[in-house]
């Protein structure tokens, strides 16, 4: 059609302007885990408190219970302690199985240290019976709802492409689903102890107002936050 001919006429000369060079394959770099403990002062009277803990790859058996644990902690612990009791606009826990990261986040939070203490107590909350078997089932259902929610054809294609690029074929994804179905309360207590209780590598970043940092400095015994 005339439109295609016009497109070719305009595009091909434009492509010729690009420099030609040989394509080289770069040497992949290994990611180095780095601990970050920083604060950023902004003009606000609230804070955003984040804690990040590296866990395990998608294919690891503990990835599924960690994902379910985050769902349960988000709705049954951090929401209560950080929002309802602490007065923050929100507080949540999340585990991303594709990159092996567990995180706690609060936003529009009037507290810094109190919220950090909530993060500290999450593992003991689970280990001392804070989670019921009914909550385990609910957490599994919530997880499936998030990973198997309805998508448009375009979204399905995009998700499939991303999974392929990440090396997550259908067999690997089905294995993860099977592990989700088999998560038990004892599994949640085990991973809470192994990964959330006194983690060897943990990063914390706080964005907040100057007054909140002043209060936090007085409450913290050892304030090494940059």
N, C-alpha and C. Protein backbone atom coordinates (compact mmCIF):
# COMPACT_ATOMS: atom_id res chain seq x y z
N UNK A 1 0.85 -1.19 0.00
CA UNK A 1 0.00 0.00 0.00
C UNK A 1 0.88 1.24 0.00
N UNK A 2 0.32 2.41 -0.35
CA UNK A 2 1.13 3.64 -0.34
C UNK A 2 1.73 3.95 1.01
N UNK A 3 1.02 3.61 2.09
CA UNK A 3 1.54 3.90 3.43
C UNK A 3 2.83 3.13 3.71
N UNK A 4 2.86 1.88 3.31
CA UNK A 4 4.04 1.05 3.52
C UNK A 4 5.21 1.58 2.69
N UNK A 5 4.93 1.95 1.47
CA UNK A 5 5.98 2.50 0.60
C UNK A 5 6.56 3.79 1.17
N UNK A 6 5.68 4.61 1.72
CA UNK A 6 6.13 5.85 2.35
C UNK A 6 6.99 5.56 3.59
N UNK A 7 6.57 4.55 4.33
CA UNK A 7 7.30 4.14 5.53
C UNK A 7 8.72 3.69 5.15
N UNK A 8 8.82 2.86 4.12
CA UNK A 8 10.12 2.37 3.69
C UNK A 8 11.00 3.52 3.19
N UNK A 9 10.41 4.43 2.47
CA UNK A 9 11.15 5.55 1.91
C UNK A 9 11.75 6.42 3.00
N UNK A 10 10.99 6.62 4.09
CA UNK A 10 11.45 7.48 5.18
C UNK A 10 12.39 6.75 6.13
N UNK A 11 12.12 5.48 6.36
CA UNK A 11 12.85 4.74 7.39
C UNK A 11 14.24 4.29 6.96
N UNK A 12 14.35 3.70 5.79
CA UNK A 12 15.62 3.10 5.37
C UNK A 12 16.77 4.09 5.32
N UNK A 13 16.59 5.28 4.76
CA UNK A 13 17.71 6.24 4.79
C UNK A 13 18.08 6.66 6.21
N UNK A 14 17.09 6.72 7.08
CA UNK A 14 17.35 7.08 8.48
C UNK A 14 18.19 6.02 9.19
N UNK A 15 17.91 4.73 8.88
CA UNK A 15 18.66 3.63 9.49
C UNK A 15 20.12 3.68 9.06
N UNK A 16 20.38 4.13 7.85
CA UNK A 16 21.76 4.18 7.34
C UNK A 16 22.65 5.14 8.14
N UNK A 17 22.04 6.06 8.87
CA UNK A 17 22.82 7.01 9.66
C UNK A 17 23.45 6.36 10.90
N UNK A 18 22.93 5.21 11.31
CA UNK A 18 23.48 4.56 12.50
C UNK A 18 24.85 3.98 12.19
N UNK A 19 25.81 4.15 13.11
CA UNK A 19 27.14 3.58 12.88
C UNK A 19 27.11 2.07 12.95
N UNK A 20 27.85 1.43 12.10
CA UNK A 20 27.91 -0.04 12.11
C UNK A 20 29.15 -0.49 12.86
N UNK A 21 28.99 -1.50 13.69
CA UNK A 21 30.12 -2.04 14.44
C UNK A 21 29.84 -3.49 14.79
N UNK A 22 30.90 -4.20 15.11
CA UNK A 22 30.74 -5.60 15.45
C UNK A 22 30.10 -5.74 16.83
N UNK A 23 29.25 -6.73 16.94
CA UNK A 23 28.58 -6.99 18.22
C UNK A 23 29.48 -7.89 19.07
N UNK A 24 29.80 -7.44 20.24
CA UNK A 24 30.65 -8.22 21.14
C UNK A 24 29.83 -8.69 22.33
N UNK A 25 30.16 -9.86 22.80
CA UNK A 25 29.48 -10.43 23.96
C UNK A 25 30.26 -10.05 25.21
N UNK A 26 29.63 -9.30 26.08
CA UNK A 26 30.31 -8.86 27.29
C UNK A 26 30.40 -9.98 28.31
N UNK A 27 31.39 -9.94 29.14
CA UNK A 27 31.55 -10.92 30.21
C UNK A 27 30.57 -10.62 31.33
N UNK A 28 29.71 -11.59 31.69
CA UNK A 28 28.73 -11.33 32.75
C UNK A 28 29.41 -11.05 34.09
N UNK A 29 28.87 -10.09 34.82
CA UNK A 29 29.43 -9.74 36.11
C UNK A 29 28.59 -10.34 37.24
N UNK A 30 29.26 -10.90 38.20
CA UNK A 30 28.54 -11.45 39.34
C UNK A 30 28.10 -10.34 40.27
N UNK A 31 26.86 -10.43 40.73
CA UNK A 31 26.32 -9.42 41.64
C UNK A 31 26.93 -9.59 43.03
N UNK A 32 27.44 -8.51 43.57
CA UNK A 32 28.01 -8.53 44.90
C UNK A 32 26.99 -7.99 45.91
N UNK A 33 26.65 -8.80 46.89
CA UNK A 33 25.70 -8.38 47.91
C UNK A 33 26.31 -7.29 48.76
N UNK A 34 25.62 -6.19 48.87
CA UNK A 34 26.14 -5.05 49.62
C UNK A 34 25.14 -4.62 50.68
N UNK A 35 25.62 -4.44 51.89
CA UNK A 35 24.76 -3.99 52.97
C UNK A 35 24.65 -2.47 52.94
N UNK A 36 23.42 -1.98 52.93
CA UNK A 36 23.16 -0.54 52.89
C UNK A 36 22.40 -0.15 54.16
N UNK A 37 22.87 0.89 54.82
CA UNK A 37 22.22 1.38 56.03
C UNK A 37 22.23 2.90 55.96
N UNK A 38 21.22 3.45 55.29
CA UNK A 38 21.26 4.87 54.97
C UNK A 38 19.92 5.55 55.26
N UNK A 39 20.02 6.85 55.48
CA UNK A 39 18.83 7.68 55.68
C UNK A 39 18.88 8.86 54.74
N UNK A 40 17.71 9.25 54.26
CA UNK A 40 17.62 10.40 53.36
C UNK A 40 16.64 11.41 53.96
N UNK A 41 17.13 12.60 54.27
CA UNK A 41 16.30 13.63 54.89
C UNK A 41 15.57 14.41 53.81
N UNK A 42 14.25 14.46 53.92
CA UNK A 42 13.43 15.23 52.98
C UNK A 42 12.46 16.10 53.79
N UNK A 43 11.83 17.01 53.10
CA UNK A 43 10.92 17.94 53.76
C UNK A 43 9.56 17.29 53.96
N UNK A 44 9.44 16.52 55.03
CA UNK A 44 8.20 15.82 55.35
C UNK A 44 8.14 15.56 56.85
N UNK A 45 6.95 15.28 57.36
CA UNK A 45 6.82 14.97 58.79
C UNK A 45 6.54 13.48 59.02
N UNK A 46 6.73 12.66 57.97
CA UNK A 46 6.56 11.22 58.10
C UNK A 46 7.81 10.52 57.56
N UNK A 47 7.79 9.20 57.64
CA UNK A 47 8.95 8.43 57.19
C UNK A 47 8.52 7.23 56.35
N UNK A 48 9.47 6.73 55.58
CA UNK A 48 9.30 5.51 54.81
C UNK A 48 10.45 4.61 55.21
N UNK A 49 10.13 3.51 55.87
CA UNK A 49 11.16 2.65 56.46
C UNK A 49 11.18 1.30 55.73
N UNK A 50 12.32 0.96 55.15
CA UNK A 50 12.43 -0.29 54.39
C UNK A 50 13.55 -1.16 54.92
N UNK A 51 13.29 -2.44 54.99
CA UNK A 51 14.32 -3.43 55.33
C UNK A 51 14.32 -4.51 54.26
N UNK A 52 15.51 -4.84 53.76
CA UNK A 52 15.64 -5.82 52.68
C UNK A 52 16.58 -6.94 53.12
N UNK A 53 16.12 -8.18 52.92
CA UNK A 53 16.90 -9.35 53.32
C UNK A 53 17.02 -10.31 52.13
N UNK A 54 18.23 -10.62 51.67
CA UNK A 54 18.38 -11.61 50.59
C UNK A 54 18.04 -13.01 51.10
N UNK A 55 17.35 -13.80 50.28
CA UNK A 55 16.93 -15.14 50.70
C UNK A 55 17.50 -16.21 49.76
N UNK A 56 16.64 -16.81 48.95
CA UNK A 56 17.06 -17.94 48.11
C UNK A 56 16.46 -17.80 46.71
N UNK A 57 17.02 -18.53 45.72
CA UNK A 57 16.48 -18.46 44.36
C UNK A 57 15.08 -19.08 44.26
N UNK A 58 14.45 -18.82 43.14
CA UNK A 58 13.09 -19.30 42.84
C UNK A 58 12.99 -20.82 42.97
N UNK A 59 14.02 -21.52 42.55
CA UNK A 59 13.99 -22.99 42.53
C UNK A 59 14.28 -23.63 43.88
N UNK A 60 14.64 -22.84 44.87
CA UNK A 60 14.96 -23.38 46.19
C UNK A 60 13.66 -23.78 46.91
N UNK A 61 13.67 -24.90 47.66
CA UNK A 61 12.46 -25.34 48.37
C UNK A 61 11.91 -24.32 49.36
N UNK A 62 12.77 -23.44 49.90
CA UNK A 62 12.30 -22.46 50.88
C UNK A 62 11.64 -21.24 50.25
N UNK A 63 11.75 -21.11 48.93
CA UNK A 63 11.19 -19.92 48.27
C UNK A 63 9.68 -19.86 48.42
N UNK A 64 9.01 -20.98 48.29
CA UNK A 64 7.55 -21.02 48.40
C UNK A 64 7.06 -20.65 49.81
N UNK A 65 7.57 -21.29 50.87
CA UNK A 65 7.10 -20.89 52.21
C UNK A 65 7.45 -19.45 52.56
N UNK A 66 8.56 -18.92 52.06
CA UNK A 66 8.89 -17.52 52.31
C UNK A 66 7.87 -16.59 51.66
N UNK A 67 7.40 -16.97 50.48
CA UNK A 67 6.40 -16.17 49.77
C UNK A 67 5.07 -16.17 50.51
N UNK A 68 4.67 -17.32 51.01
CA UNK A 68 3.44 -17.42 51.79
C UNK A 68 3.58 -16.68 53.12
N UNK A 69 4.74 -16.81 53.74
CA UNK A 69 4.99 -16.13 55.01
C UNK A 69 4.84 -14.62 54.87
N UNK A 70 5.36 -14.07 53.79
CA UNK A 70 5.25 -12.62 53.58
C UNK A 70 3.80 -12.19 53.47
N UNK A 71 2.99 -12.97 52.78
CA UNK A 71 1.57 -12.66 52.65
C UNK A 71 0.88 -12.62 54.01
N UNK A 72 1.18 -13.59 54.83
CA UNK A 72 0.53 -13.68 56.14
C UNK A 72 1.01 -12.56 57.05
N UNK A 73 2.31 -12.30 57.06
CA UNK A 73 2.83 -11.22 57.90
C UNK A 73 2.28 -9.87 57.47
N UNK A 74 2.10 -9.69 56.18
CA UNK A 74 1.62 -8.41 55.67
C UNK A 74 0.21 -8.10 56.15
N UNK A 75 -0.66 -9.11 56.13
CA UNK A 75 -2.05 -8.88 56.52
C UNK A 75 -2.31 -9.12 58.00
N UNK A 76 -1.50 -9.98 58.62
CA UNK A 76 -1.80 -10.36 59.99
C UNK A 76 -0.82 -9.88 61.03
N UNK A 77 0.22 -9.13 60.63
CA UNK A 77 1.20 -8.66 61.61
C UNK A 77 1.63 -7.22 61.36
N UNK A 78 2.27 -6.97 60.23
CA UNK A 78 2.77 -5.61 59.99
C UNK A 78 1.62 -4.60 59.87
N UNK A 79 0.51 -5.00 59.28
CA UNK A 79 -0.63 -4.08 59.17
C UNK A 79 -1.12 -3.68 60.56
N UNK A 80 -1.21 -4.68 61.45
CA UNK A 80 -1.69 -4.41 62.81
C UNK A 80 -0.70 -3.57 63.60
N UNK A 81 0.57 -3.97 63.57
CA UNK A 81 1.58 -3.32 64.40
C UNK A 81 1.99 -1.94 63.88
N UNK A 82 2.11 -1.81 62.58
CA UNK A 82 2.63 -0.57 62.00
C UNK A 82 1.52 0.43 61.70
N UNK A 83 0.41 -0.05 61.15
CA UNK A 83 -0.66 0.88 60.81
C UNK A 83 -1.62 1.10 61.97
N UNK A 84 -2.21 0.02 62.48
CA UNK A 84 -3.25 0.17 63.50
C UNK A 84 -2.69 0.67 64.82
N UNK A 85 -1.55 0.15 65.24
CA UNK A 85 -0.95 0.56 66.51
C UNK A 85 0.04 1.72 66.33
N UNK A 86 0.81 1.69 65.26
CA UNK A 86 1.84 2.70 65.08
C UNK A 86 1.38 3.98 64.42
N UNK A 87 0.22 3.92 63.75
CA UNK A 87 -0.30 5.13 63.13
C UNK A 87 0.20 5.42 61.73
N UNK A 88 0.94 4.50 61.13
CA UNK A 88 1.41 4.71 59.77
C UNK A 88 0.27 4.51 58.78
N UNK A 89 0.44 5.05 57.60
CA UNK A 89 -0.58 4.88 56.57
C UNK A 89 -0.60 3.43 56.08
N UNK A 90 0.54 2.78 56.16
CA UNK A 90 0.59 1.38 55.75
C UNK A 90 1.90 0.72 56.11
N UNK A 91 1.86 -0.61 56.21
CA UNK A 91 3.06 -1.40 56.47
C UNK A 91 2.86 -2.79 55.91
N UNK A 92 3.87 -3.31 55.23
CA UNK A 92 3.69 -4.60 54.58
C UNK A 92 4.98 -5.40 54.55
N UNK A 93 4.82 -6.68 54.23
CA UNK A 93 5.95 -7.58 54.02
C UNK A 93 5.76 -8.23 52.66
N UNK A 94 6.85 -8.49 51.98
CA UNK A 94 6.76 -9.08 50.64
C UNK A 94 8.00 -9.94 50.37
N UNK A 95 7.77 -11.04 49.66
CA UNK A 95 8.90 -11.85 49.19
C UNK A 95 8.79 -12.03 47.69
N UNK A 96 9.83 -11.60 46.98
CA UNK A 96 9.88 -11.76 45.53
C UNK A 96 10.69 -13.01 45.21
N UNK A 97 10.03 -14.10 44.82
CA UNK A 97 10.77 -15.34 44.60
C UNK A 97 11.69 -15.30 43.39
N UNK A 98 11.41 -14.44 42.41
CA UNK A 98 12.24 -14.41 41.21
C UNK A 98 13.61 -13.78 41.45
N UNK A 99 13.71 -12.86 42.43
CA UNK A 99 15.03 -12.30 42.72
C UNK A 99 15.53 -12.64 44.12
N UNK A 100 14.75 -13.44 44.87
CA UNK A 100 15.21 -13.88 46.18
C UNK A 100 15.38 -12.76 47.18
N UNK A 101 14.36 -11.90 47.30
CA UNK A 101 14.43 -10.77 48.21
C UNK A 101 13.19 -10.74 49.10
N UNK A 102 13.41 -10.65 50.40
CA UNK A 102 12.33 -10.46 51.37
C UNK A 102 12.43 -9.03 51.89
N UNK A 103 11.31 -8.32 51.90
CA UNK A 103 11.39 -6.94 52.38
C UNK A 103 10.21 -6.57 53.26
N UNK A 104 10.49 -5.65 54.17
CA UNK A 104 9.48 -4.99 54.98
C UNK A 104 9.44 -3.52 54.55
N UNK A 105 8.26 -2.96 54.47
CA UNK A 105 8.13 -1.56 54.07
C UNK A 105 7.01 -0.88 54.86
N UNK A 106 7.29 0.33 55.33
CA UNK A 106 6.23 1.17 55.89
C UNK A 106 6.22 2.48 55.12
N UNK A 107 5.05 3.10 55.04
CA UNK A 107 5.00 4.38 54.34
C UNK A 107 4.07 5.35 55.07
N UNK A 108 4.43 6.63 54.95
CA UNK A 108 3.78 7.71 55.69
C UNK A 108 3.68 7.31 57.17
N UNK A 109 4.88 7.02 57.70
CA UNK A 109 5.03 6.43 59.03
C UNK A 109 5.51 7.50 60.01
N UNK A 110 4.83 7.68 61.15
CA UNK A 110 5.29 8.65 62.15
C UNK A 110 6.43 8.13 63.02
N UNK A 111 6.84 6.89 62.79
CA UNK A 111 7.89 6.27 63.61
C UNK A 111 9.01 5.71 62.73
N UNK A 112 10.19 5.66 63.29
CA UNK A 112 11.32 5.00 62.62
C UNK A 112 11.77 3.80 63.46
N UNK A 113 12.19 4.08 64.68
CA UNK A 113 12.72 3.01 65.53
C UNK A 113 11.65 1.99 65.89
N UNK A 114 10.43 2.44 66.22
CA UNK A 114 9.36 1.52 66.57
C UNK A 114 9.06 0.57 65.42
N UNK A 115 9.11 1.11 64.22
CA UNK A 115 8.86 0.27 63.05
C UNK A 115 9.98 -0.74 62.85
N UNK A 116 11.24 -0.32 63.07
CA UNK A 116 12.35 -1.26 62.98
C UNK A 116 12.21 -2.39 64.00
N UNK A 117 11.70 -2.05 65.18
CA UNK A 117 11.49 -3.07 66.22
C UNK A 117 10.40 -4.06 65.82
N UNK A 118 9.41 -3.57 65.09
CA UNK A 118 8.38 -4.47 64.57
C UNK A 118 9.00 -5.46 63.60
N UNK A 119 9.87 -4.97 62.72
CA UNK A 119 10.56 -5.87 61.80
C UNK A 119 11.39 -6.90 62.58
N UNK A 120 12.03 -6.43 63.65
CA UNK A 120 12.86 -7.34 64.47
C UNK A 120 12.04 -8.45 65.10
N UNK A 121 10.80 -8.14 65.46
CA UNK A 121 9.98 -9.10 66.20
C UNK A 121 9.15 -10.02 65.31
N UNK A 122 9.23 -9.85 64.00
CA UNK A 122 8.40 -10.65 63.09
C UNK A 122 8.70 -12.14 63.21
N UNK A 123 9.99 -12.50 63.26
CA UNK A 123 10.36 -13.92 63.33
C UNK A 123 9.86 -14.56 64.62
N UNK A 124 10.05 -13.88 65.75
CA UNK A 124 9.59 -14.43 67.02
C UNK A 124 8.08 -14.56 67.06
N UNK A 125 7.39 -13.61 66.43
CA UNK A 125 5.92 -13.69 66.34
C UNK A 125 5.49 -14.99 65.69
N UNK A 126 6.17 -15.38 64.62
CA UNK A 126 5.83 -16.61 63.92
C UNK A 126 6.25 -17.83 64.72
N UNK A 127 7.46 -17.81 65.28
CA UNK A 127 7.99 -18.96 66.00
C UNK A 127 7.24 -19.26 67.28
N UNK A 128 6.64 -18.24 67.89
CA UNK A 128 5.92 -18.42 69.15
C UNK A 128 4.42 -18.64 68.98
N UNK A 129 4.02 -19.02 67.78
CA UNK A 129 2.62 -19.39 67.57
C UNK A 129 1.71 -18.26 67.16
N UNK A 130 2.24 -17.22 66.56
CA UNK A 130 1.40 -16.10 66.15
C UNK A 130 0.56 -16.38 64.92
N UNK A 131 0.88 -17.47 64.21
CA UNK A 131 0.15 -17.82 62.99
C UNK A 131 -0.64 -19.11 63.21
N UNK A 132 -1.88 -19.12 62.76
CA UNK A 132 -2.73 -20.31 62.87
C UNK A 132 -2.73 -21.09 61.56
N UNK A 133 -3.24 -22.33 61.61
CA UNK A 133 -3.32 -23.15 60.40
C UNK A 133 -4.30 -22.53 59.40
N UNK A 134 -5.33 -21.88 59.91
CA UNK A 134 -6.28 -21.21 59.02
C UNK A 134 -5.60 -20.07 58.26
N UNK A 135 -4.69 -19.36 58.92
CA UNK A 135 -3.98 -18.28 58.26
C UNK A 135 -3.01 -18.82 57.20
N UNK A 136 -2.47 -20.01 57.44
CA UNK A 136 -1.59 -20.63 56.46
C UNK A 136 -2.36 -20.89 55.16
N UNK A 137 -3.56 -21.46 55.30
CA UNK A 137 -4.40 -21.73 54.13
C UNK A 137 -4.76 -20.42 53.43
N UNK A 138 -5.10 -19.41 54.21
CA UNK A 138 -5.45 -18.12 53.63
C UNK A 138 -4.25 -17.52 52.89
N UNK A 139 -3.07 -17.66 53.47
CA UNK A 139 -1.87 -17.13 52.82
C UNK A 139 -1.58 -17.83 51.51
N UNK A 140 -1.80 -19.15 51.46
CA UNK A 140 -1.59 -19.91 50.22
C UNK A 140 -2.57 -19.43 49.15
N UNK A 141 -3.84 -19.25 49.54
CA UNK A 141 -4.85 -18.80 48.58
C UNK A 141 -4.54 -17.40 48.07
N UNK A 142 -4.08 -16.53 48.96
CA UNK A 142 -3.72 -15.17 48.54
C UNK A 142 -2.55 -15.18 47.56
N UNK A 143 -1.60 -16.07 47.80
CA UNK A 143 -0.45 -16.16 46.91
C UNK A 143 -0.86 -16.63 45.52
N UNK A 144 -1.71 -17.67 45.47
CA UNK A 144 -2.20 -18.16 44.19
C UNK A 144 -3.03 -17.11 43.48
N UNK A 145 -3.78 -16.32 44.24
CA UNK A 145 -4.59 -15.27 43.65
C UNK A 145 -3.73 -14.23 42.94
N UNK A 146 -2.54 -14.00 43.48
CA UNK A 146 -1.65 -13.00 42.89
C UNK A 146 -0.90 -13.52 41.67
N UNK A 147 -0.50 -14.80 41.68
CA UNK A 147 0.30 -15.33 40.58
C UNK A 147 -0.55 -15.91 39.46
N UNK A 148 -1.79 -16.27 39.75
CA UNK A 148 -2.66 -16.88 38.74
C UNK A 148 -3.92 -16.06 38.49
N UNK A 149 -3.86 -14.76 38.72
CA UNK A 149 -5.01 -13.91 38.47
C UNK A 149 -5.26 -13.80 36.97
N UNK A 150 -6.50 -13.53 36.56
CA UNK A 150 -6.81 -13.43 35.12
C UNK A 150 -6.01 -12.32 34.44
N UNK A 151 -5.57 -12.58 33.21
CA UNK A 151 -4.82 -11.60 32.44
C UNK A 151 -5.36 -11.52 31.02
N UNK A 152 -5.15 -10.39 30.42
CA UNK A 152 -5.51 -10.23 29.02
C UNK A 152 -4.52 -11.03 28.16
N UNK A 153 -4.88 -11.32 26.90
CA UNK A 153 -3.93 -12.05 26.02
C UNK A 153 -2.57 -11.36 25.92
N UNK A 154 -2.58 -10.03 25.85
CA UNK A 154 -1.30 -9.30 25.76
C UNK A 154 -0.48 -9.48 27.03
N UNK A 155 -1.14 -9.42 28.19
CA UNK A 155 -0.44 -9.60 29.46
C UNK A 155 0.12 -11.01 29.60
N UNK A 156 -0.66 -11.99 29.15
CA UNK A 156 -0.19 -13.38 29.21
C UNK A 156 1.08 -13.56 28.37
N UNK A 157 1.09 -12.95 27.19
CA UNK A 157 2.27 -13.04 26.33
C UNK A 157 3.46 -12.36 26.97
N UNK A 158 3.22 -11.21 27.59
CA UNK A 158 4.31 -10.48 28.25
C UNK A 158 4.87 -11.26 29.42
N UNK A 159 3.98 -11.83 30.23
CA UNK A 159 4.41 -12.63 31.39
C UNK A 159 5.21 -13.86 30.93
N UNK A 160 4.72 -14.51 29.88
CA UNK A 160 5.43 -15.69 29.35
C UNK A 160 6.82 -15.32 28.85
N UNK A 161 6.92 -14.15 28.19
CA UNK A 161 8.22 -13.69 27.69
C UNK A 161 9.18 -13.42 28.84
N UNK A 162 8.69 -12.76 29.88
CA UNK A 162 9.54 -12.45 31.04
C UNK A 162 10.02 -13.73 31.71
N UNK A 163 9.11 -14.70 31.86
CA UNK A 163 9.49 -15.97 32.49
C UNK A 163 10.56 -16.70 31.68
N UNK A 164 10.41 -16.66 30.35
CA UNK A 164 11.41 -17.31 29.50
C UNK A 164 12.77 -16.64 29.65
N UNK A 165 12.78 -15.30 29.68
CA UNK A 165 14.03 -14.56 29.84
C UNK A 165 14.69 -14.85 31.18
N UNK A 166 13.87 -15.17 32.20
CA UNK A 166 14.40 -15.46 33.52
C UNK A 166 14.72 -16.95 33.70
N UNK A 167 14.47 -17.74 32.67
CA UNK A 167 14.75 -19.16 32.76
C UNK A 167 13.71 -19.95 33.52
N UNK A 168 12.52 -19.39 33.67
CA UNK A 168 11.45 -20.06 34.41
C UNK A 168 10.50 -20.72 33.43
N UNK A 169 10.80 -21.94 33.05
CA UNK A 169 9.91 -22.64 32.13
C UNK A 169 8.68 -23.15 32.89
N UNK A 170 7.75 -23.73 32.16
CA UNK A 170 6.48 -24.17 32.75
C UNK A 170 6.70 -25.24 33.83
N UNK A 171 7.66 -26.12 33.60
CA UNK A 171 7.94 -27.17 34.59
C UNK A 171 8.42 -26.56 35.90
N UNK A 172 9.31 -25.57 35.83
CA UNK A 172 9.84 -24.92 37.02
C UNK A 172 8.74 -24.16 37.76
N UNK A 173 7.89 -23.48 37.01
CA UNK A 173 6.80 -22.72 37.62
C UNK A 173 5.78 -23.65 38.28
N UNK A 174 5.53 -24.80 37.63
CA UNK A 174 4.59 -25.76 38.22
C UNK A 174 5.17 -26.36 39.50
N UNK A 175 6.47 -26.58 39.53
CA UNK A 175 7.11 -27.07 40.75
C UNK A 175 6.94 -26.09 41.89
N UNK A 176 7.04 -24.78 41.58
CA UNK A 176 6.85 -23.76 42.61
C UNK A 176 5.41 -23.78 43.11
N UNK A 177 4.44 -23.95 42.21
CA UNK A 177 3.03 -24.03 42.61
C UNK A 177 2.78 -25.22 43.52
N UNK A 178 3.39 -26.36 43.18
CA UNK A 178 3.24 -27.56 44.00
C UNK A 178 3.78 -27.35 45.40
N UNK A 179 4.91 -26.67 45.48
CA UNK A 179 5.50 -26.39 46.79
C UNK A 179 4.62 -25.44 47.60
N UNK A 180 3.98 -24.49 46.90
CA UNK A 180 3.05 -23.59 47.59
C UNK A 180 1.91 -24.37 48.23
N UNK A 181 1.37 -25.32 47.49
CA UNK A 181 0.25 -26.12 47.99
C UNK A 181 0.64 -26.95 49.21
N UNK A 182 1.91 -27.31 49.30
CA UNK A 182 2.38 -28.18 50.38
C UNK A 182 2.95 -27.43 51.58
N UNK A 183 2.86 -26.09 51.59
CA UNK A 183 3.39 -25.31 52.71
C UNK A 183 2.59 -25.61 53.97
N UNK A 184 3.32 -25.86 55.06
CA UNK A 184 2.71 -26.13 56.36
C UNK A 184 3.19 -25.09 57.37
N UNK A 185 2.51 -25.04 58.49
CA UNK A 185 2.86 -24.08 59.55
C UNK A 185 4.30 -24.26 60.00
N UNK A 186 4.75 -25.50 60.13
CA UNK A 186 6.13 -25.75 60.57
C UNK A 186 7.15 -25.20 59.56
N UNK A 187 6.77 -25.18 58.28
CA UNK A 187 7.66 -24.62 57.26
C UNK A 187 7.82 -23.11 57.45
N UNK A 188 6.72 -22.44 57.76
CA UNK A 188 6.76 -21.00 57.99
C UNK A 188 7.60 -20.67 59.22
N UNK A 189 7.47 -21.46 60.26
CA UNK A 189 8.25 -21.23 61.47
C UNK A 189 9.74 -21.47 61.21
N UNK A 190 10.03 -22.45 60.38
CA UNK A 190 11.43 -22.76 60.06
C UNK A 190 12.08 -21.64 59.25
N UNK A 191 11.41 -21.19 58.18
CA UNK A 191 12.02 -20.15 57.35
C UNK A 191 12.08 -18.81 58.08
N UNK A 192 11.11 -18.56 58.98
CA UNK A 192 11.16 -17.33 59.77
C UNK A 192 12.41 -17.33 60.64
N UNK A 193 12.72 -18.47 61.23
CA UNK A 193 13.91 -18.58 62.08
C UNK A 193 15.20 -18.49 61.26
N UNK A 194 15.22 -19.15 60.10
CA UNK A 194 16.45 -19.23 59.31
C UNK A 194 16.78 -17.95 58.57
N UNK A 195 15.76 -17.19 58.17
CA UNK A 195 16.01 -16.03 57.31
C UNK A 195 15.69 -14.68 57.95
N UNK A 196 14.72 -14.64 58.85
CA UNK A 196 14.30 -13.35 59.42
C UNK A 196 14.86 -13.09 60.81
N UNK A 197 15.23 -14.13 61.53
CA UNK A 197 15.75 -13.98 62.88
C UNK A 197 17.26 -13.74 62.82
N UNK A 198 17.67 -12.52 63.15
CA UNK A 198 19.09 -12.15 63.12
C UNK A 198 19.77 -12.49 61.79
N UNK A 199 19.27 -11.95 60.68
CA UNK A 199 19.87 -12.26 59.38
C UNK A 199 21.30 -11.73 59.29
N UNK A 200 22.16 -12.49 58.61
CA UNK A 200 23.56 -12.09 58.48
C UNK A 200 23.71 -10.88 57.56
N UNK A 201 22.89 -10.82 56.52
CA UNK A 201 22.94 -9.70 55.58
C UNK A 201 21.57 -9.02 55.57
N UNK A 202 21.55 -7.75 55.90
CA UNK A 202 20.29 -6.99 55.90
C UNK A 202 20.60 -5.53 55.60
N UNK A 203 19.77 -4.92 54.78
CA UNK A 203 19.92 -3.50 54.47
C UNK A 203 18.68 -2.75 54.92
N UNK A 204 18.89 -1.52 55.39
CA UNK A 204 17.78 -0.68 55.82
C UNK A 204 17.97 0.72 55.23
N UNK A 205 16.89 1.24 54.70
CA UNK A 205 16.90 2.60 54.15
C UNK A 205 15.67 3.33 54.68
N UNK A 206 15.88 4.54 55.16
CA UNK A 206 14.79 5.36 55.70
C UNK A 206 14.76 6.69 54.97
N UNK A 207 13.59 7.08 54.50
CA UNK A 207 13.37 8.41 53.95
C UNK A 207 12.42 9.11 54.91
N UNK A 208 12.83 10.25 55.46
CA UNK A 208 11.98 10.89 56.45
C UNK A 208 12.38 12.32 56.74
N UNK A 209 11.60 12.95 57.63
CA UNK A 209 11.87 14.33 58.01
C UNK A 209 12.99 14.44 59.02
N UNK A 210 13.55 15.62 59.11
CA UNK A 210 14.69 15.87 60.00
C UNK A 210 14.34 15.61 61.46
N UNK A 211 13.15 16.01 61.88
CA UNK A 211 12.74 15.82 63.28
C UNK A 211 12.64 14.34 63.63
N UNK A 212 12.14 13.54 62.71
CA UNK A 212 12.02 12.11 62.97
C UNK A 212 13.39 11.46 63.10
N UNK A 213 14.35 11.90 62.30
CA UNK A 213 15.71 11.36 62.42
C UNK A 213 16.34 11.78 63.75
N UNK A 214 16.03 12.97 64.22
CA UNK A 214 16.56 13.43 65.50
C UNK A 214 16.03 12.57 66.64
N UNK A 215 14.74 12.25 66.59
CA UNK A 215 14.14 11.38 67.60
C UNK A 215 14.74 9.98 67.53
N UNK A 216 14.92 9.47 66.31
CA UNK A 216 15.47 8.13 66.13
C UNK A 216 16.89 8.04 66.65
N UNK A 217 17.69 9.09 66.45
CA UNK A 217 19.07 9.10 66.92
C UNK A 217 19.15 8.99 68.43
N UNK A 218 18.17 9.57 69.12
CA UNK A 218 18.15 9.50 70.58
C UNK A 218 17.71 8.12 71.08
N UNK A 219 16.83 7.46 70.30
CA UNK A 219 16.31 6.17 70.73
C UNK A 219 17.25 5.02 70.40
N UNK A 220 18.00 5.16 69.32
CA UNK A 220 18.91 4.10 68.94
C UNK A 220 20.17 4.13 69.79
N UNK A 221 20.57 3.00 70.33
CA UNK A 221 21.78 2.92 71.13
C UNK A 221 23.02 3.18 70.28
N UNK A 222 23.01 2.64 69.06
CA UNK A 222 24.14 2.83 68.17
C UNK A 222 23.61 3.23 66.81
N UNK A 223 23.66 4.49 66.51
CA UNK A 223 23.12 5.01 65.26
C UNK A 223 24.24 5.15 64.23
N UNK A 224 24.37 4.17 63.36
CA UNK A 224 25.40 4.19 62.33
C UNK A 224 24.82 4.52 60.95
N UNK A 225 23.58 4.95 60.93
CA UNK A 225 22.95 5.27 59.66
C UNK A 225 23.55 6.51 59.03
N UNK A 226 23.94 6.41 57.78
CA UNK A 226 24.52 7.55 57.06
C UNK A 226 23.43 8.56 56.75
